[in-house]
Amino acid sequence: AALGQQYVASLTMGAGQFCTNPGLLLAIDGPELDAFEAAAAAAMGGVAAQPMLTAGIHSAYTRGVDKLASEANVRCVARGQDSDEPNRGQAGFYITDAKSFQAQPALHDEIFGATGLVVRCRDADELRALAESLEGQLTATLHL
């Protein structure tokens, strides 16, 4: 549960506008991932919308989130609080499976802001194959 809360804290720090934002998370399916998802969803509900650096960044962020949400086999797990104030980004995270991620190149596009995509892998072999297929990434973290 603590890892899910820490994920949301990292994802939303600075409205997700840090280069080390964990925007893509690959994980092995199972009860541990279910517990992570539940804890992260609970934490996400308490996140206030945060100011983005510029109106243009906010607009691109909103378009990116809308595009992600419209993709097949992508489910919104949780969103943070919305705001009527200008240029405030609403945090969120989504989930898909490895097969869908590999089949839909649009899912590989980074969203600059406080939105993350969790990719459920069947097992360590599928996770490894998926990681090897990714283009260059600025950061990576492995939790064992």
N, C-alpha and C. Protein backbone atom coordinates (compact mmCIF):
# COMPACT_ATOMS: atom_id res chain seq x y z
N ALA A 1 0.83 -1.20 0.00
CA ALA A 1 0.00 0.00 0.00
C ALA A 1 0.86 1.25 0.00
N ALA A 2 1.95 1.22 0.76
CA ALA A 2 2.82 2.39 0.83
C ALA A 2 3.42 2.71 -0.53
N LEU A 3 3.74 1.69 -1.30
CA LEU A 3 4.33 1.92 -2.62
C LEU A 3 3.34 2.64 -3.54
N GLY A 4 2.07 2.30 -3.47
CA GLY A 4 1.05 2.97 -4.27
C GLY A 4 0.93 4.44 -3.91
N GLN A 5 1.00 4.74 -2.62
CA GLN A 5 0.94 6.13 -2.16
C GLN A 5 2.18 6.90 -2.60
N GLN A 6 3.34 6.26 -2.52
CA GLN A 6 4.59 6.90 -2.93
C GLN A 6 4.61 7.13 -4.44
N TYR A 7 4.04 6.20 -5.19
CA TYR A 7 3.94 6.37 -6.65
C TYR A 7 3.16 7.64 -6.97
N VAL A 8 2.01 7.81 -6.34
CA VAL A 8 1.18 9.00 -6.59
C VAL A 8 1.93 10.26 -6.18
N ALA A 9 2.62 10.23 -5.06
CA ALA A 9 3.39 11.40 -4.62
C ALA A 9 4.46 11.76 -5.65
N SER A 10 5.14 10.77 -6.19
CA SER A 10 6.17 11.01 -7.19
C SER A 10 5.56 11.47 -8.51
N LEU A 11 4.47 10.85 -8.91
CA LEU A 11 3.80 11.18 -10.17
C LEU A 11 3.30 12.61 -10.17
N THR A 12 2.85 13.09 -9.03
CA THR A 12 2.20 14.40 -8.96
C THR A 12 3.11 15.52 -8.45
N MET A 13 4.32 15.19 -8.05
CA MET A 13 5.24 16.22 -7.56
C MET A 13 5.47 17.27 -8.65
N GLY A 14 5.27 18.54 -8.31
CA GLY A 14 5.46 19.60 -9.29
C GLY A 14 4.53 19.50 -10.47
N ALA A 15 3.32 19.02 -10.24
CA ALA A 15 2.32 18.81 -11.31
C ALA A 15 2.83 17.84 -12.37
N GLY A 16 3.75 16.95 -11.97
CA GLY A 16 4.26 15.95 -12.90
C GLY A 16 5.21 16.50 -13.94
N GLN A 17 5.76 17.70 -13.69
CA GLN A 17 6.58 18.37 -14.69
C GLN A 17 8.08 18.21 -14.44
N PHE A 18 8.46 17.20 -13.67
CA PHE A 18 9.87 16.89 -13.47
C PHE A 18 10.28 15.80 -14.46
N CYS A 19 11.52 15.83 -14.87
CA CYS A 19 12.01 14.84 -15.85
C CYS A 19 11.99 13.42 -15.30
N THR A 20 11.95 13.27 -14.00
CA THR A 20 11.97 11.93 -13.39
C THR A 20 10.57 11.42 -13.06
N ASN A 21 9.54 12.04 -13.61
CA ASN A 21 8.16 11.62 -13.38
C ASN A 21 7.97 10.17 -13.85
N PRO A 22 7.40 9.31 -13.00
CA PRO A 22 7.20 7.90 -13.40
C PRO A 22 5.95 7.73 -14.27
N GLY A 23 5.98 8.26 -15.48
CA GLY A 23 4.81 8.25 -16.35
C GLY A 23 4.45 6.88 -16.90
N LEU A 24 5.41 5.96 -16.95
CA LEU A 24 5.16 4.61 -17.45
C LEU A 24 5.64 3.62 -16.41
N LEU A 25 4.76 2.73 -15.99
CA LEU A 25 5.08 1.75 -14.97
C LEU A 25 4.73 0.37 -15.51
N LEU A 26 5.71 -0.51 -15.61
CA LEU A 26 5.50 -1.89 -16.03
C LEU A 26 5.45 -2.76 -14.78
N ALA A 27 4.44 -3.61 -14.67
CA ALA A 27 4.28 -4.41 -13.46
C ALA A 27 3.72 -5.78 -13.79
N ILE A 28 4.02 -6.74 -12.94
CA ILE A 28 3.52 -8.10 -13.12
C ILE A 28 2.16 -8.22 -12.43
N ASP A 29 1.21 -8.76 -13.16
CA ASP A 29 -0.16 -8.92 -12.68
C ASP A 29 -0.19 -9.84 -11.45
N GLY A 30 -1.08 -9.54 -10.54
CA GLY A 30 -1.23 -10.38 -9.36
C GLY A 30 -1.80 -9.58 -8.20
N PRO A 31 -1.95 -10.22 -7.04
CA PRO A 31 -2.55 -9.54 -5.89
C PRO A 31 -1.74 -8.33 -5.41
N GLU A 32 -0.42 -8.38 -5.57
CA GLU A 32 0.40 -7.24 -5.16
C GLU A 32 0.09 -6.02 -6.03
N LEU A 33 -0.08 -6.24 -7.33
CA LEU A 33 -0.42 -5.13 -8.22
C LEU A 33 -1.83 -4.63 -7.93
N ASP A 34 -2.73 -5.54 -7.60
CA ASP A 34 -4.09 -5.11 -7.23
C ASP A 34 -4.05 -4.21 -5.99
N ALA A 35 -3.24 -4.58 -5.00
CA ALA A 35 -3.12 -3.78 -3.77
C ALA A 35 -2.47 -2.43 -4.08
N PHE A 36 -1.45 -2.44 -4.94
CA PHE A 36 -0.81 -1.20 -5.36
C PHE A 36 -1.83 -0.28 -6.03
N GLU A 37 -2.60 -0.84 -6.96
CA GLU A 37 -3.60 -0.07 -7.69
C GLU A 37 -4.63 0.55 -6.74
N ALA A 38 -5.11 -0.23 -5.77
CA ALA A 38 -6.10 0.28 -4.82
C ALA A 38 -5.53 1.41 -3.97
N ALA A 39 -4.30 1.24 -3.49
CA ALA A 39 -3.68 2.27 -2.66
C ALA A 39 -3.41 3.54 -3.46
N ALA A 40 -2.94 3.36 -4.69
CA ALA A 40 -2.68 4.52 -5.53
C ALA A 40 -3.97 5.25 -5.89
N ALA A 41 -5.03 4.50 -6.15
CA ALA A 41 -6.32 5.11 -6.47
C ALA A 41 -6.83 5.93 -5.29
N ALA A 42 -6.70 5.38 -4.09
CA ALA A 42 -7.15 6.11 -2.90
C ALA A 42 -6.35 7.39 -2.70
N ALA A 43 -5.04 7.31 -2.92
CA ALA A 43 -4.19 8.49 -2.77
C ALA A 43 -4.48 9.52 -3.85
N MET A 44 -4.74 9.07 -5.07
CA MET A 44 -4.98 9.98 -6.19
C MET A 44 -6.21 10.84 -5.96
N GLY A 45 -7.23 10.29 -5.33
CA GLY A 45 -8.46 11.05 -5.10
C GLY A 45 -8.26 12.30 -4.27
N GLY A 46 -7.20 12.34 -3.47
CA GLY A 46 -6.93 13.50 -2.63
C GLY A 46 -6.00 14.53 -3.24
N VAL A 47 -5.57 14.30 -4.47
CA VAL A 47 -4.61 15.21 -5.11
C VAL A 47 -5.34 16.38 -5.77
N ALA A 48 -5.01 17.58 -5.34
CA ALA A 48 -5.61 18.79 -5.93
C ALA A 48 -5.01 19.05 -7.30
N ALA A 49 -5.79 19.65 -8.19
CA ALA A 49 -5.27 20.08 -9.49
C ALA A 49 -4.16 21.09 -9.24
N GLN A 50 -3.08 20.99 -10.02
CA GLN A 50 -1.90 21.82 -9.79
C GLN A 50 -1.61 22.70 -11.00
N PRO A 51 -1.01 23.87 -10.77
CA PRO A 51 -0.71 24.76 -11.89
C PRO A 51 0.38 24.19 -12.79
N MET A 52 0.12 24.22 -14.08
CA MET A 52 1.12 23.81 -15.07
C MET A 52 2.00 25.02 -15.38
N LEU A 53 3.16 24.79 -15.97
CA LEU A 53 4.12 25.87 -16.20
C LEU A 53 3.60 26.95 -17.14
N THR A 54 2.89 26.56 -18.19
CA THR A 54 2.36 27.53 -19.15
C THR A 54 1.00 27.06 -19.65
N ALA A 55 0.26 27.97 -20.28
CA ALA A 55 -1.03 27.60 -20.87
C ALA A 55 -0.83 26.57 -21.98
N GLY A 56 0.25 26.69 -22.75
CA GLY A 56 0.52 25.74 -23.82
C GLY A 56 0.80 24.35 -23.29
N ILE A 57 1.56 24.26 -22.21
CA ILE A 57 1.84 22.96 -21.59
C ILE A 57 0.54 22.36 -21.06
N HIS A 58 -0.28 23.17 -20.43
CA HIS A 58 -1.56 22.68 -19.93
C HIS A 58 -2.43 22.15 -21.07
N SER A 59 -2.47 22.88 -22.17
CA SER A 59 -3.28 22.45 -23.32
C SER A 59 -2.77 21.13 -23.88
N ALA A 60 -1.44 21.01 -24.04
CA ALA A 60 -0.86 19.76 -24.54
C ALA A 60 -1.12 18.61 -23.57
N TYR A 61 -1.05 18.89 -22.28
CA TYR A 61 -1.31 17.87 -21.27
C TYR A 61 -2.75 17.37 -21.38
N THR A 62 -3.68 18.29 -21.47
CA THR A 62 -5.09 17.92 -21.56
C THR A 62 -5.35 17.09 -22.82
N ARG A 63 -4.77 17.49 -23.94
CA ARG A 63 -4.92 16.71 -25.19
C ARG A 63 -4.34 15.31 -25.03
N GLY A 64 -3.17 15.22 -24.40
CA GLY A 64 -2.53 13.92 -24.20
C GLY A 64 -3.36 12.99 -23.33
N VAL A 65 -3.92 13.53 -22.25
CA VAL A 65 -4.76 12.73 -21.36
C VAL A 65 -6.02 12.28 -22.08
N ASP A 66 -6.64 13.20 -22.82
CA ASP A 66 -7.85 12.84 -23.57
C ASP A 66 -7.57 11.74 -24.59
N LYS A 67 -6.42 11.83 -25.26
CA LYS A 67 -6.04 10.81 -26.24
C LYS A 67 -5.82 9.46 -25.56
N LEU A 68 -5.09 9.47 -24.45
CA LEU A 68 -4.84 8.23 -23.71
C LEU A 68 -6.15 7.60 -23.28
N ALA A 69 -7.04 8.40 -22.73
CA ALA A 69 -8.32 7.89 -22.22
C ALA A 69 -9.20 7.30 -23.31
N SER A 70 -8.98 7.73 -24.55
CA SER A 70 -9.82 7.25 -25.66
C SER A 70 -9.28 5.98 -26.31
N GLU A 71 -8.09 5.56 -25.95
CA GLU A 71 -7.48 4.38 -26.57
C GLU A 71 -8.18 3.10 -26.10
N ALA A 72 -8.23 2.13 -27.00
CA ALA A 72 -8.84 0.84 -26.69
C ALA A 72 -8.05 0.14 -25.58
N ASN A 73 -8.76 -0.55 -24.72
CA ASN A 73 -8.17 -1.35 -23.64
C ASN A 73 -7.36 -0.55 -22.63
N VAL A 74 -7.70 0.72 -22.50
CA VAL A 74 -7.10 1.57 -21.47
C VAL A 74 -8.21 1.96 -20.50
N ARG A 75 -7.95 1.73 -19.22
CA ARG A 75 -8.96 2.03 -18.20
C ARG A 75 -8.42 3.09 -17.25
N CYS A 76 -9.25 4.08 -16.97
CA CYS A 76 -8.88 5.09 -15.98
C CYS A 76 -9.05 4.46 -14.60
N VAL A 77 -7.98 4.43 -13.83
CA VAL A 77 -8.03 3.88 -12.48
C VAL A 77 -8.49 4.97 -11.51
N ALA A 78 -7.93 6.15 -11.63
CA ALA A 78 -8.30 7.24 -10.72
C ALA A 78 -7.84 8.57 -11.29
N ARG A 79 -8.58 9.61 -10.95
CA ARG A 79 -8.20 10.99 -11.29
C ARG A 79 -8.16 11.78 -10.00
N GLY A 80 -7.32 12.78 -9.99
CA GLY A 80 -7.27 13.72 -8.88
C GLY A 80 -8.43 14.69 -8.99
N GLN A 81 -8.40 15.68 -8.15
CA GLN A 81 -9.46 16.68 -8.13
C GLN A 81 -9.32 17.61 -9.33
N ASP A 82 -10.44 18.05 -9.86
CA ASP A 82 -10.46 18.99 -10.98
C ASP A 82 -10.50 20.41 -10.42
N SER A 83 -10.31 21.39 -11.28
CA SER A 83 -10.33 22.79 -10.85
C SER A 83 -10.87 23.67 -11.96
N ASP A 84 -11.54 24.73 -11.59
CA ASP A 84 -12.00 25.72 -12.55
C ASP A 84 -10.94 26.79 -12.80
N GLU A 85 -9.87 26.77 -12.03
CA GLU A 85 -8.81 27.75 -12.21
C GLU A 85 -8.04 27.45 -13.50
N PRO A 86 -7.56 28.49 -14.18
CA PRO A 86 -6.88 28.27 -15.45
C PRO A 86 -5.56 27.51 -15.29
N ASN A 87 -5.27 26.69 -16.29
CA ASN A 87 -3.99 25.98 -16.42
C ASN A 87 -3.66 25.06 -15.26
N ARG A 88 -4.69 24.49 -14.65
CA ARG A 88 -4.49 23.52 -13.57
C ARG A 88 -4.62 22.12 -14.15
N GLY A 89 -3.62 21.30 -13.93
CA GLY A 89 -3.64 19.93 -14.44
C GLY A 89 -4.27 18.97 -13.44
N GLN A 90 -5.22 18.18 -13.93
CA GLN A 90 -5.86 17.16 -13.10
C GLN A 90 -5.05 15.88 -13.22
N ALA A 91 -4.51 15.41 -12.11
CA ALA A 91 -3.68 14.21 -12.10
C ALA A 91 -4.52 12.96 -12.36
N GLY A 92 -3.86 11.89 -12.77
CA GLY A 92 -4.57 10.63 -12.96
C GLY A 92 -3.63 9.50 -13.33
N PHE A 93 -4.16 8.30 -13.23
CA PHE A 93 -3.41 7.19 -13.79
C PHE A 93 -4.34 6.16 -14.38
N TYR A 94 -3.81 5.51 -15.39
CA TYR A 94 -4.55 4.60 -16.25
C TYR A 94 -3.83 3.27 -16.27
N ILE A 95 -4.53 2.25 -16.75
CA ILE A 95 -3.93 0.92 -16.80
C ILE A 95 -4.31 0.24 -18.10
N THR A 96 -3.38 -0.57 -18.61
CA THR A 96 -3.63 -1.39 -19.79
C THR A 96 -2.83 -2.68 -19.63
N ASP A 97 -2.95 -3.56 -20.60
CA ASP A 97 -2.17 -4.80 -20.57
C ASP A 97 -1.02 -4.70 -21.57
N ALA A 98 -0.04 -5.57 -21.43
CA ALA A 98 1.16 -5.52 -22.26
C ALA A 98 0.84 -5.71 -23.74
N LYS A 99 -0.06 -6.62 -24.05
CA LYS A 99 -0.41 -6.88 -25.45
C LYS A 99 -0.99 -5.62 -26.10
N SER A 100 -1.89 -4.95 -25.41
CA SER A 100 -2.48 -3.72 -25.94
C SER A 100 -1.43 -2.63 -26.07
N PHE A 101 -0.55 -2.53 -25.08
CA PHE A 101 0.50 -1.51 -25.12
C PHE A 101 1.39 -1.71 -26.34
N GLN A 102 1.77 -2.95 -26.60
CA GLN A 102 2.63 -3.22 -27.75
C GLN A 102 1.92 -2.99 -29.07
N ALA A 103 0.62 -3.24 -29.12
CA ALA A 103 -0.14 -3.11 -30.37
C ALA A 103 -0.54 -1.68 -30.69
N GLN A 104 -0.48 -0.79 -29.71
CA GLN A 104 -0.96 0.58 -29.90
C GLN A 104 0.18 1.57 -29.66
N PRO A 105 0.89 1.97 -30.71
CA PRO A 105 2.02 2.89 -30.55
C PRO A 105 1.65 4.21 -29.86
N ALA A 106 0.41 4.64 -29.96
CA ALA A 106 0.00 5.89 -29.30
C ALA A 106 0.17 5.80 -27.79
N LEU A 107 0.13 4.60 -27.23
CA LEU A 107 0.30 4.44 -25.79
C LEU A 107 1.74 4.69 -25.35
N HIS A 108 2.66 4.69 -26.30
CA HIS A 108 4.06 4.90 -25.99
C HIS A 108 4.39 6.39 -25.84
N ASP A 109 3.48 7.27 -26.25
CA ASP A 109 3.73 8.71 -26.20
C ASP A 109 3.74 9.20 -24.76
N GLU A 110 4.79 9.92 -24.41
CA GLU A 110 4.88 10.50 -23.07
C GLU A 110 3.86 11.63 -22.92
N ILE A 111 3.26 11.71 -21.76
CA ILE A 111 2.39 12.83 -21.40
C ILE A 111 3.14 13.63 -20.35
N PHE A 112 3.48 14.87 -20.69
CA PHE A 112 4.22 15.74 -19.77
C PHE A 112 3.25 16.31 -18.75
N GLY A 113 3.25 15.74 -17.57
CA GLY A 113 2.34 16.14 -16.52
C GLY A 113 2.07 14.97 -15.59
N ALA A 114 1.13 15.16 -14.70
CA ALA A 114 0.87 14.20 -13.62
C ALA A 114 -0.11 13.10 -14.01
N THR A 115 0.20 12.42 -15.11
CA THR A 115 -0.59 11.26 -15.53
C THR A 115 0.34 10.10 -15.81
N GLY A 116 -0.01 8.94 -15.30
CA GLY A 116 0.80 7.75 -15.50
C GLY A 116 0.00 6.63 -16.13
N LEU A 117 0.72 5.75 -16.80
CA LEU A 117 0.13 4.55 -17.41
C LEU A 117 0.81 3.33 -16.81
N VAL A 118 0.01 2.46 -16.21
CA VAL A 118 0.50 1.19 -15.67
C VAL A 118 0.22 0.11 -16.70
N VAL A 119 1.24 -0.68 -17.03
CA VAL A 119 1.10 -1.76 -17.99
C VAL A 119 1.20 -3.08 -17.24
N ARG A 120 0.10 -3.83 -17.24
CA ARG A 120 0.07 -5.14 -16.56
C ARG A 120 0.69 -6.20 -17.47
N CYS A 121 1.71 -6.87 -16.95
CA CYS A 121 2.36 -7.96 -17.68
C CYS A 121 1.97 -9.28 -17.02
N ARG A 122 1.84 -10.33 -17.82
CA ARG A 122 1.45 -11.64 -17.30
C ARG A 122 2.49 -12.20 -16.34
N ASP A 123 3.76 -12.02 -16.71
CA ASP A 123 4.85 -12.62 -15.93
C ASP A 123 6.14 -11.85 -16.21
N ALA A 124 7.23 -12.30 -15.58
CA ALA A 124 8.52 -11.62 -15.74
C ALA A 124 9.02 -11.67 -17.18
N ASP A 125 8.75 -12.75 -17.89
CA ASP A 125 9.19 -12.85 -19.28
C ASP A 125 8.51 -11.80 -20.15
N GLU A 126 7.20 -11.62 -19.96
CA GLU A 126 6.49 -10.61 -20.74
C GLU A 126 6.98 -9.21 -20.37
N LEU A 127 7.23 -8.97 -19.10
CA LEU A 127 7.74 -7.68 -18.67
C LEU A 127 9.10 -7.40 -19.29
N ARG A 128 9.97 -8.38 -19.27
CA ARG A 128 11.31 -8.23 -19.85
C ARG A 128 11.22 -7.94 -21.35
N ALA A 129 10.39 -8.69 -22.06
CA ALA A 129 10.24 -8.47 -23.50
C ALA A 129 9.70 -7.07 -23.79
N LEU A 130 8.76 -6.63 -22.98
CA LEU A 130 8.20 -5.30 -23.17
C LEU A 130 9.26 -4.24 -22.89
N ALA A 131 10.01 -4.39 -21.82
CA ALA A 131 11.07 -3.43 -21.49
C ALA A 131 12.11 -3.35 -22.61
N GLU A 132 12.45 -4.49 -23.18
CA GLU A 132 13.43 -4.52 -24.25
C GLU A 132 12.91 -3.87 -25.53
N SER A 133 11.61 -3.80 -25.69
CA SER A 133 11.03 -3.21 -26.91
C SER A 133 10.85 -1.70 -26.82
N LEU A 134 11.01 -1.14 -25.62
CA LEU A 134 10.81 0.30 -25.45
C LEU A 134 11.94 1.09 -26.10
N GLU A 135 11.58 2.27 -26.60
CA GLU A 135 12.61 3.19 -27.06
C GLU A 135 13.27 3.78 -25.83
N GLY A 136 14.29 4.59 -26.03
CA GLY A 136 15.04 5.17 -24.91
C GLY A 136 14.15 5.84 -23.89
N GLN A 137 14.46 5.63 -22.63
CA GLN A 137 13.72 6.23 -21.52
C GLN A 137 14.71 7.01 -20.67
N LEU A 138 14.24 8.14 -20.13
CA LEU A 138 15.11 8.96 -19.30
C LEU A 138 15.41 8.29 -17.96
N THR A 139 14.41 7.65 -17.38
CA THR A 139 14.59 7.02 -16.07
C THR A 139 13.97 5.63 -16.07
N ALA A 140 14.41 4.84 -15.12
CA ALA A 140 13.80 3.52 -14.90
C ALA A 140 14.01 3.17 -13.43
N THR A 141 13.06 2.45 -12.87
CA THR A 141 13.15 1.99 -11.49
C THR A 141 12.69 0.55 -11.44
N LEU A 142 13.38 -0.26 -10.69
CA LEU A 142 13.01 -1.67 -10.55
C LEU A 142 12.73 -1.95 -9.08
N HIS A 143 11.53 -2.45 -8.78
CA HIS A 143 11.16 -2.85 -7.41
C HIS A 143 11.03 -4.37 -7.40
N LEU A 144 11.78 -5.03 -6.55
CA LEU A 144 11.73 -6.49 -6.46
C LEU A 144 11.12 -6.91 -5.15
